[in-house]
């Protein structure tokens, strides 16, 4: 990937008040999802940019840049084979069965650790992470007003599943 990294850590350029949305793209499928996410965010009228953490396998990056996204190259962390086996799809599903459908075959659980790269993006005071397979249907900039480090659970079909 020949894209430059988002500049971070430079105190002259640091903007603690800066806000951004972020997502992770690791393959073609998530690239297409991120395009839909970017367009849905733009439709809400937000001025916050969408940062796309992109692994070398990511696709549709040129289209994402044309949508105004900033590409942030990331790599899977270097982990042992034992770690990779413990975090394989099969091992994770055995430990905690996913009973609301199946994760797609292209999903590699180790890719999730790429999200830790968000902590290096010091040019932003607040970042709201959105999965690449989500679509925003109304303005959500109020999420930036929540206290530091907030989170939301996975979406469930029924309140009893929460």
N, C-alpha and C. Protein backbone atom coordinates (compact mmCIF):
# COMPACT_ATOMS: atom_id res chain seq x y z
N UNK A 1 0.85 -1.15 0.00
CA UNK A 1 0.00 0.00 0.00
C UNK A 1 0.91 1.23 0.00
N UNK A 2 0.76 2.08 -0.98
CA UNK A 2 1.66 3.21 -1.10
C UNK A 2 1.03 4.52 -0.61
N UNK A 3 0.12 4.43 0.31
CA UNK A 3 -0.52 5.62 0.85
C UNK A 3 0.23 6.07 2.11
N UNK A 4 0.39 7.37 2.28
CA UNK A 4 1.07 7.85 3.49
C UNK A 4 0.18 7.68 4.72
N UNK A 5 0.81 7.51 5.84
CA UNK A 5 0.07 7.41 7.09
C UNK A 5 -0.52 8.77 7.45
N UNK A 6 -1.61 8.73 8.16
CA UNK A 6 -2.15 9.96 8.72
C UNK A 6 -1.10 10.47 9.70
N UNK A 7 -0.79 11.74 9.62
CA UNK A 7 0.21 12.32 10.51
C UNK A 7 -0.30 12.31 11.95
N UNK A 8 0.49 11.75 12.85
CA UNK A 8 0.09 11.73 14.25
C UNK A 8 1.26 12.14 15.13
N UNK A 9 0.94 12.61 16.31
CA UNK A 9 1.97 12.88 17.29
C UNK A 9 2.68 14.21 17.13
N UNK A 10 2.49 14.92 16.05
CA UNK A 10 3.16 16.18 15.81
C UNK A 10 2.39 17.27 16.55
N UNK A 11 2.96 17.78 17.63
CA UNK A 11 2.22 18.71 18.49
C UNK A 11 1.81 19.98 17.75
N UNK A 12 2.54 20.37 16.72
CA UNK A 12 2.16 21.56 15.97
C UNK A 12 0.87 21.34 15.18
N UNK A 13 0.60 20.12 14.82
CA UNK A 13 -0.60 19.83 14.03
C UNK A 13 -1.70 19.21 14.88
N UNK A 14 -1.42 18.94 16.11
CA UNK A 14 -2.38 18.23 16.96
C UNK A 14 -3.63 19.06 17.19
N UNK A 15 -4.78 18.43 17.03
CA UNK A 15 -6.04 19.13 17.21
C UNK A 15 -6.90 18.33 18.18
N UNK A 16 -6.72 18.52 19.50
CA UNK A 16 -7.50 17.74 20.46
C UNK A 16 -9.00 17.89 20.28
N UNK A 17 -9.44 19.03 19.72
CA UNK A 17 -10.86 19.22 19.52
C UNK A 17 -11.36 18.47 18.28
N UNK A 18 -10.46 17.96 17.48
CA UNK A 18 -10.83 17.27 16.26
C UNK A 18 -11.65 16.02 16.52
N UNK A 19 -12.60 15.78 15.65
CA UNK A 19 -13.48 14.62 15.77
C UNK A 19 -13.46 13.86 14.46
N UNK A 20 -13.56 12.55 14.55
CA UNK A 20 -13.58 11.73 13.34
C UNK A 20 -14.33 10.44 13.61
N UNK A 21 -14.86 9.89 12.54
CA UNK A 21 -15.38 8.53 12.57
C UNK A 21 -14.28 7.64 12.03
N UNK A 22 -14.30 6.37 12.40
CA UNK A 22 -13.29 5.44 11.90
C UNK A 22 -13.94 4.09 11.65
N UNK A 23 -13.35 3.36 10.72
CA UNK A 23 -13.79 2.00 10.43
C UNK A 23 -12.57 1.19 10.01
N UNK A 24 -12.73 -0.11 9.92
CA UNK A 24 -11.64 -1.02 9.54
C UNK A 24 -12.02 -1.75 8.26
N UNK A 25 -11.11 -1.75 7.28
CA UNK A 25 -11.32 -2.46 6.02
C UNK A 25 -10.16 -3.43 5.84
N UNK A 26 -10.49 -4.71 5.70
CA UNK A 26 -9.47 -5.75 5.59
C UNK A 26 -9.57 -6.57 4.30
N UNK A 27 -10.59 -6.32 3.50
CA UNK A 27 -10.78 -7.10 2.27
C UNK A 27 -11.79 -6.39 1.37
N UNK A 28 -12.12 -7.02 0.27
CA UNK A 28 -13.06 -6.42 -0.69
C UNK A 28 -14.44 -6.19 -0.09
N UNK A 29 -14.93 -7.20 0.63
CA UNK A 29 -16.28 -7.11 1.17
C UNK A 29 -16.43 -5.95 2.16
N UNK A 30 -15.48 -5.82 3.08
CA UNK A 30 -15.56 -4.71 4.02
C UNK A 30 -15.30 -3.38 3.32
N UNK A 31 -14.54 -3.40 2.22
CA UNK A 31 -14.35 -2.18 1.43
C UNK A 31 -15.66 -1.68 0.86
N UNK A 32 -16.46 -2.59 0.34
CA UNK A 32 -17.78 -2.21 -0.19
C UNK A 32 -18.67 -1.69 0.93
N UNK A 33 -18.62 -2.35 2.08
CA UNK A 33 -19.40 -1.89 3.23
C UNK A 33 -18.98 -0.50 3.67
N UNK A 34 -17.68 -0.25 3.68
CA UNK A 34 -17.17 1.06 4.09
C UNK A 34 -17.62 2.15 3.13
N UNK A 35 -17.74 1.81 1.85
CA UNK A 35 -18.27 2.79 0.89
C UNK A 35 -19.70 3.19 1.25
N UNK A 36 -20.51 2.19 1.57
CA UNK A 36 -21.89 2.49 1.97
C UNK A 36 -21.90 3.31 3.26
N UNK A 37 -21.03 2.96 4.20
CA UNK A 37 -20.94 3.71 5.45
C UNK A 37 -20.54 5.16 5.18
N UNK A 38 -19.51 5.36 4.35
CA UNK A 38 -19.04 6.71 4.04
C UNK A 38 -20.16 7.55 3.41
N UNK A 39 -20.87 6.95 2.48
CA UNK A 39 -21.95 7.69 1.81
C UNK A 39 -23.08 8.00 2.78
N UNK A 40 -23.37 7.06 3.68
CA UNK A 40 -24.45 7.30 4.64
C UNK A 40 -24.05 8.40 5.63
N UNK A 41 -22.79 8.42 6.05
CA UNK A 41 -22.33 9.50 6.93
C UNK A 41 -22.42 10.85 6.23
N UNK A 42 -21.97 10.88 4.98
CA UNK A 42 -22.02 12.14 4.23
C UNK A 42 -23.47 12.62 4.10
N UNK A 43 -24.40 11.68 3.90
CA UNK A 43 -25.82 12.01 3.75
C UNK A 43 -26.36 12.69 5.01
N UNK A 44 -25.80 12.37 6.18
CA UNK A 44 -26.28 12.98 7.43
C UNK A 44 -25.82 14.42 7.59
N UNK A 45 -24.87 14.85 6.77
CA UNK A 45 -24.37 16.21 6.85
C UNK A 45 -23.23 16.41 7.82
N UNK A 46 -22.68 15.34 8.36
CA UNK A 46 -21.57 15.48 9.30
C UNK A 46 -20.36 16.11 8.62
N UNK A 47 -19.61 16.86 9.39
CA UNK A 47 -18.35 17.41 8.89
C UNK A 47 -17.16 16.57 9.34
N UNK A 48 -17.41 15.60 10.21
CA UNK A 48 -16.32 14.75 10.70
C UNK A 48 -15.87 13.80 9.59
N UNK A 49 -14.57 13.67 9.40
CA UNK A 49 -14.08 12.76 8.36
C UNK A 49 -14.24 11.30 8.79
N UNK A 50 -14.20 10.42 7.82
CA UNK A 50 -14.17 8.98 8.09
C UNK A 50 -12.75 8.50 7.85
N UNK A 51 -12.12 8.00 8.90
CA UNK A 51 -10.79 7.40 8.81
C UNK A 51 -10.97 5.93 8.52
N UNK A 52 -10.28 5.43 7.51
CA UNK A 52 -10.39 4.02 7.14
C UNK A 52 -9.08 3.34 7.47
N UNK A 53 -9.08 2.54 8.54
CA UNK A 53 -7.92 1.72 8.85
C UNK A 53 -7.92 0.59 7.83
N UNK A 54 -6.86 0.48 7.04
CA UNK A 54 -6.85 -0.45 5.92
C UNK A 54 -5.63 -1.36 5.97
N UNK A 55 -5.88 -2.66 5.97
CA UNK A 55 -4.79 -3.63 5.89
C UNK A 55 -4.34 -3.75 4.44
N UNK A 56 -3.19 -4.37 4.18
CA UNK A 56 -2.72 -4.51 2.80
C UNK A 56 -3.71 -5.24 1.89
N UNK A 57 -4.57 -6.07 2.45
CA UNK A 57 -5.53 -6.82 1.65
C UNK A 57 -6.79 -6.02 1.32
N UNK A 58 -6.93 -4.84 1.88
CA UNK A 58 -8.13 -4.01 1.69
C UNK A 58 -8.28 -3.61 0.23
N UNK A 59 -9.52 -3.49 -0.19
CA UNK A 59 -9.83 -3.05 -1.56
C UNK A 59 -10.80 -1.88 -1.52
N UNK A 60 -10.97 -1.24 -2.68
CA UNK A 60 -11.86 -0.09 -2.86
C UNK A 60 -11.33 1.17 -2.18
N UNK A 61 -10.02 1.23 -1.93
CA UNK A 61 -9.45 2.39 -1.23
C UNK A 61 -9.50 3.66 -2.08
N UNK A 62 -9.28 3.54 -3.40
CA UNK A 62 -9.36 4.72 -4.25
C UNK A 62 -10.77 5.31 -4.22
N UNK A 63 -11.78 4.44 -4.26
CA UNK A 63 -13.17 4.92 -4.20
C UNK A 63 -13.45 5.58 -2.85
N UNK A 64 -12.91 5.00 -1.78
CA UNK A 64 -13.10 5.58 -0.45
C UNK A 64 -12.45 6.96 -0.36
N UNK A 65 -11.27 7.11 -0.96
CA UNK A 65 -10.63 8.43 -0.97
C UNK A 65 -11.47 9.43 -1.76
N UNK A 66 -12.05 8.99 -2.86
CA UNK A 66 -12.92 9.89 -3.64
C UNK A 66 -14.15 10.31 -2.83
N UNK A 67 -14.56 9.48 -1.89
CA UNK A 67 -15.68 9.82 -1.01
C UNK A 67 -15.24 10.74 0.13
N UNK A 68 -13.95 11.08 0.17
CA UNK A 68 -13.45 11.99 1.20
C UNK A 68 -12.86 11.29 2.41
N UNK A 69 -12.71 9.98 2.36
CA UNK A 69 -12.14 9.23 3.49
C UNK A 69 -10.63 9.43 3.54
N UNK A 70 -10.10 9.34 4.74
CA UNK A 70 -8.65 9.35 4.93
C UNK A 70 -8.22 7.91 5.19
N UNK A 71 -7.28 7.42 4.41
CA UNK A 71 -6.81 6.04 4.53
C UNK A 71 -5.65 5.99 5.52
N UNK A 72 -5.74 5.08 6.47
CA UNK A 72 -4.71 4.88 7.49
C UNK A 72 -4.21 3.44 7.35
N UNK A 73 -3.05 3.22 6.73
CA UNK A 73 -2.55 1.85 6.59
C UNK A 73 -2.24 1.21 7.94
N UNK A 74 -2.68 -0.03 8.12
CA UNK A 74 -2.42 -0.80 9.33
C UNK A 74 -2.08 -2.23 8.93
N UNK A 75 -1.48 -2.96 9.83
CA UNK A 75 -1.18 -4.37 9.62
C UNK A 75 -1.68 -5.17 10.80
N UNK A 76 -1.97 -6.44 10.54
CA UNK A 76 -2.28 -7.33 11.65
C UNK A 76 -1.06 -7.36 12.57
N UNK A 77 -1.29 -7.46 13.87
CA UNK A 77 -0.14 -7.55 14.77
C UNK A 77 0.61 -8.86 14.54
N UNK A 78 1.87 -8.84 14.83
CA UNK A 78 2.67 -10.05 14.74
C UNK A 78 2.35 -10.91 15.96
N UNK A 79 1.77 -12.07 15.72
CA UNK A 79 1.37 -12.95 16.82
C UNK A 79 1.88 -14.36 16.56
N UNK A 80 1.96 -15.15 17.61
CA UNK A 80 2.42 -16.53 17.49
C UNK A 80 1.35 -17.39 16.83
N UNK A 81 1.76 -18.53 16.35
CA UNK A 81 0.80 -19.47 15.76
C UNK A 81 -0.18 -19.96 16.82
N UNK A 82 0.29 -20.13 18.06
CA UNK A 82 -0.60 -20.56 19.14
C UNK A 82 -1.68 -19.50 19.39
N UNK A 83 -1.30 -18.24 19.37
CA UNK A 83 -2.28 -17.15 19.54
C UNK A 83 -3.29 -17.19 18.40
N UNK A 84 -2.78 -17.33 17.18
CA UNK A 84 -3.65 -17.36 16.01
C UNK A 84 -4.64 -18.53 16.11
N UNK A 85 -4.18 -19.68 16.59
CA UNK A 85 -5.07 -20.84 16.74
C UNK A 85 -6.13 -20.57 17.81
N UNK A 86 -5.73 -19.96 18.93
CA UNK A 86 -6.69 -19.64 20.00
C UNK A 86 -7.74 -18.63 19.54
N UNK A 87 -7.39 -17.81 18.58
CA UNK A 87 -8.30 -16.77 18.09
C UNK A 87 -8.86 -17.10 16.70
N UNK A 88 -8.79 -18.35 16.31
CA UNK A 88 -9.39 -18.73 15.03
C UNK A 88 -10.91 -18.68 15.15
N UNK A 89 -11.57 -18.57 14.03
CA UNK A 89 -13.04 -18.54 14.04
C UNK A 89 -13.60 -19.75 14.75
N UNK A 90 -13.07 -20.93 14.42
CA UNK A 90 -13.59 -22.17 15.01
C UNK A 90 -13.42 -22.18 16.53
N UNK A 91 -12.24 -21.77 17.00
CA UNK A 91 -11.99 -21.78 18.45
C UNK A 91 -12.89 -20.78 19.17
N UNK A 92 -13.06 -19.61 18.60
CA UNK A 92 -13.92 -18.61 19.23
C UNK A 92 -15.37 -19.06 19.25
N UNK A 93 -15.83 -19.68 18.19
CA UNK A 93 -17.22 -20.13 18.13
C UNK A 93 -17.47 -21.31 19.07
N UNK A 94 -16.43 -22.12 19.29
CA UNK A 94 -16.58 -23.20 20.27
C UNK A 94 -16.71 -22.63 21.68
N UNK A 95 -15.90 -21.61 21.97
CA UNK A 95 -15.89 -21.02 23.31
C UNK A 95 -17.16 -20.21 23.59
N UNK A 96 -17.67 -19.52 22.59
CA UNK A 96 -18.87 -18.69 22.75
C UNK A 96 -19.65 -18.73 21.45
N UNK A 97 -20.51 -19.71 21.30
CA UNK A 97 -21.24 -19.86 20.04
C UNK A 97 -21.99 -18.59 19.65
N UNK A 98 -21.89 -18.27 18.38
CA UNK A 98 -22.57 -17.10 17.82
C UNK A 98 -23.93 -17.58 17.36
N UNK A 99 -24.97 -17.30 18.14
CA UNK A 99 -26.28 -17.90 17.87
C UNK A 99 -27.22 -17.01 17.07
N UNK A 100 -26.73 -15.95 16.51
CA UNK A 100 -27.56 -15.06 15.69
C UNK A 100 -27.05 -15.04 14.26
N UNK A 101 -26.86 -16.20 13.68
CA UNK A 101 -26.32 -16.27 12.33
C UNK A 101 -24.85 -16.65 12.38
N UNK A 102 -24.16 -16.45 11.29
CA UNK A 102 -22.75 -16.81 11.21
C UNK A 102 -21.93 -15.62 10.76
N UNK A 103 -20.71 -15.54 11.28
CA UNK A 103 -19.78 -14.55 10.78
C UNK A 103 -19.45 -14.95 9.34
N UNK A 104 -19.22 -13.98 8.46
CA UNK A 104 -18.89 -14.33 7.08
C UNK A 104 -17.56 -15.06 6.99
N UNK A 105 -17.42 -15.89 5.97
CA UNK A 105 -16.21 -16.70 5.80
C UNK A 105 -14.96 -15.83 5.65
N UNK A 106 -15.11 -14.61 5.13
CA UNK A 106 -13.94 -13.75 4.92
C UNK A 106 -13.48 -13.06 6.20
N UNK A 107 -14.19 -13.24 7.31
CA UNK A 107 -13.83 -12.57 8.57
C UNK A 107 -12.70 -13.33 9.27
N UNK A 108 -11.59 -12.65 9.53
CA UNK A 108 -10.46 -13.20 10.28
C UNK A 108 -10.44 -12.50 11.64
N UNK A 109 -10.72 -13.22 12.73
CA UNK A 109 -10.78 -12.58 14.05
C UNK A 109 -9.52 -11.80 14.43
N UNK A 110 -8.36 -12.21 13.94
CA UNK A 110 -7.13 -11.49 14.29
C UNK A 110 -7.14 -10.07 13.70
N UNK A 111 -7.91 -9.87 12.62
CA UNK A 111 -8.04 -8.52 12.06
C UNK A 111 -8.58 -7.54 13.09
N UNK A 112 -9.40 -8.03 14.02
CA UNK A 112 -9.98 -7.14 15.03
C UNK A 112 -8.92 -6.40 15.83
N UNK A 113 -7.74 -7.00 15.98
CA UNK A 113 -6.68 -6.37 16.75
C UNK A 113 -6.10 -5.15 16.04
N UNK A 114 -6.37 -5.01 14.74
CA UNK A 114 -5.93 -3.81 14.01
C UNK A 114 -6.61 -2.56 14.56
N UNK A 115 -7.76 -2.72 15.19
CA UNK A 115 -8.48 -1.58 15.75
C UNK A 115 -7.67 -0.88 16.84
N UNK A 116 -6.73 -1.59 17.44
CA UNK A 116 -5.89 -0.99 18.48
C UNK A 116 -5.06 0.17 17.92
N UNK A 117 -4.86 0.20 16.60
CA UNK A 117 -4.12 1.29 15.98
C UNK A 117 -4.82 2.63 16.16
N UNK A 118 -6.11 2.60 16.48
CA UNK A 118 -6.85 3.85 16.73
C UNK A 118 -6.19 4.68 17.83
N UNK A 119 -5.59 4.02 18.81
CA UNK A 119 -4.99 4.73 19.93
C UNK A 119 -3.79 5.57 19.50
N UNK A 120 -3.26 5.32 18.32
CA UNK A 120 -2.12 6.09 17.81
C UNK A 120 -2.55 7.37 17.10
N UNK A 121 -3.82 7.52 16.84
CA UNK A 121 -4.31 8.67 16.07
C UNK A 121 -4.54 9.86 17.00
N UNK A 122 -3.46 10.47 17.42
CA UNK A 122 -3.49 11.54 18.42
C UNK A 122 -3.93 12.88 17.85
N UNK A 123 -4.15 12.98 16.56
CA UNK A 123 -4.60 14.24 15.97
C UNK A 123 -6.07 14.50 16.24
N UNK A 124 -6.74 13.55 16.85
CA UNK A 124 -8.18 13.66 17.07
C UNK A 124 -8.49 13.57 18.56
N UNK A 125 -9.34 14.47 19.02
CA UNK A 125 -9.76 14.45 20.42
C UNK A 125 -10.73 13.33 20.70
N UNK A 126 -11.59 13.02 19.71
CA UNK A 126 -12.56 11.94 19.86
C UNK A 126 -12.73 11.22 18.53
N UNK A 127 -12.78 9.90 18.61
CA UNK A 127 -13.02 9.06 17.44
C UNK A 127 -14.16 8.12 17.78
N UNK A 128 -15.13 8.04 16.89
CA UNK A 128 -16.23 7.09 17.02
C UNK A 128 -15.98 5.98 16.01
N UNK A 129 -15.79 4.76 16.51
CA UNK A 129 -15.56 3.62 15.62
C UNK A 129 -16.90 3.02 15.21
N UNK A 130 -17.05 2.79 13.91
CA UNK A 130 -18.24 2.15 13.35
C UNK A 130 -17.80 0.97 12.50
N UNK A 131 -18.45 -0.16 12.67
CA UNK A 131 -18.13 -1.31 11.83
C UNK A 131 -18.39 -0.97 10.37
N UNK A 132 -17.57 -1.53 9.48
CA UNK A 132 -17.69 -1.25 8.06
C UNK A 132 -18.99 -1.77 7.46
N UNK A 133 -19.65 -2.68 8.15
CA UNK A 133 -20.92 -3.20 7.62
C UNK A 133 -22.12 -2.51 8.26
N UNK A 134 -21.92 -1.27 8.72
CA UNK A 134 -23.04 -0.51 9.28
C UNK A 134 -23.39 0.64 8.34
N UNK A 135 -24.62 1.09 8.45
CA UNK A 135 -25.11 2.22 7.67
C UNK A 135 -25.78 3.18 8.64
N UNK A 136 -25.50 4.46 8.49
CA UNK A 136 -26.06 5.49 9.36
C UNK A 136 -27.31 6.05 8.68
N UNK A 137 -28.42 6.08 9.40
CA UNK A 137 -29.68 6.52 8.79
C UNK A 137 -30.16 7.88 9.31
N UNK A 138 -29.49 8.41 10.32
CA UNK A 138 -29.80 9.76 10.80
C UNK A 138 -28.53 10.31 11.45
N UNK A 139 -28.46 11.62 11.66
CA UNK A 139 -27.25 12.21 12.24
C UNK A 139 -26.87 11.57 13.58
N UNK A 140 -25.58 11.32 13.74
CA UNK A 140 -25.09 10.69 14.98
C UNK A 140 -23.94 11.46 15.61
N UNK A 141 -23.73 12.70 15.19
CA UNK A 141 -22.62 13.48 15.75
C UNK A 141 -22.74 13.66 17.26
N UNK A 142 -23.92 13.47 17.84
CA UNK A 142 -24.07 13.57 19.29
C UNK A 142 -23.26 12.50 20.01
N UNK A 143 -22.84 11.46 19.30
CA UNK A 143 -21.99 10.43 19.92
C UNK A 143 -20.68 11.03 20.41
N UNK A 144 -20.23 12.10 19.78
CA UNK A 144 -19.00 12.75 20.21
C UNK A 144 -19.15 13.43 21.57
N UNK A 145 -20.38 13.63 22.02
CA UNK A 145 -20.62 14.29 23.30
C UNK A 145 -20.61 13.33 24.48
N UNK A 146 -20.52 12.04 24.22
CA UNK A 146 -20.49 11.06 25.31
C UNK A 146 -19.16 11.15 26.04
N UNK A 147 -19.12 10.66 27.29
CA UNK A 147 -17.86 10.70 28.04
C UNK A 147 -16.77 9.90 27.33
N UNK A 148 -15.55 10.18 27.74
CA UNK A 148 -14.42 9.46 27.15
C UNK A 148 -14.62 7.96 27.29
N UNK A 149 -14.25 7.26 26.28
CA UNK A 149 -14.34 5.82 26.15
C UNK A 149 -15.73 5.29 26.51
N UNK A 150 -16.58 5.38 25.57
CA UNK A 150 -17.93 4.82 25.68
C UNK A 150 -18.01 3.65 24.71
N UNK A 151 -18.97 2.80 24.92
CA UNK A 151 -19.13 1.66 24.04
C UNK A 151 -20.58 1.25 23.94
N UNK A 152 -20.85 0.43 22.97
CA UNK A 152 -22.21 -0.10 22.78
C UNK A 152 -22.09 -1.59 22.52
N UNK A 153 -23.06 -2.36 22.96
CA UNK A 153 -23.02 -3.80 22.71
C UNK A 153 -23.34 -4.10 21.25
N UNK A 154 -23.11 -5.35 20.87
CA UNK A 154 -23.56 -5.79 19.56
C UNK A 154 -25.07 -5.64 19.47
N UNK A 155 -25.57 -5.55 18.27
CA UNK A 155 -27.01 -5.45 18.07
C UNK A 155 -27.63 -6.82 18.30
N UNK A 156 -28.70 -6.81 19.02
CA UNK A 156 -29.41 -8.06 19.30
C UNK A 156 -30.82 -7.97 18.74
N UNK A 157 -31.38 -9.13 18.46
CA UNK A 157 -32.72 -9.14 17.88
C UNK A 157 -33.80 -8.82 18.89
N UNK A 158 -33.58 -9.19 20.14
CA UNK A 158 -34.58 -8.97 21.18
C UNK A 158 -33.90 -8.44 22.43
N UNK A 159 -34.63 -7.67 23.20
CA UNK A 159 -34.08 -7.11 24.43
C UNK A 159 -33.62 -8.22 25.37
N UNK A 160 -34.30 -9.35 25.37
CA UNK A 160 -33.91 -10.47 26.24
C UNK A 160 -32.53 -11.01 25.89
N UNK A 161 -32.08 -10.80 24.65
CA UNK A 161 -30.76 -11.27 24.22
C UNK A 161 -29.64 -10.34 24.68
N UNK A 162 -30.00 -9.16 25.17
CA UNK A 162 -29.03 -8.13 25.53
C UNK A 162 -28.30 -8.50 26.79
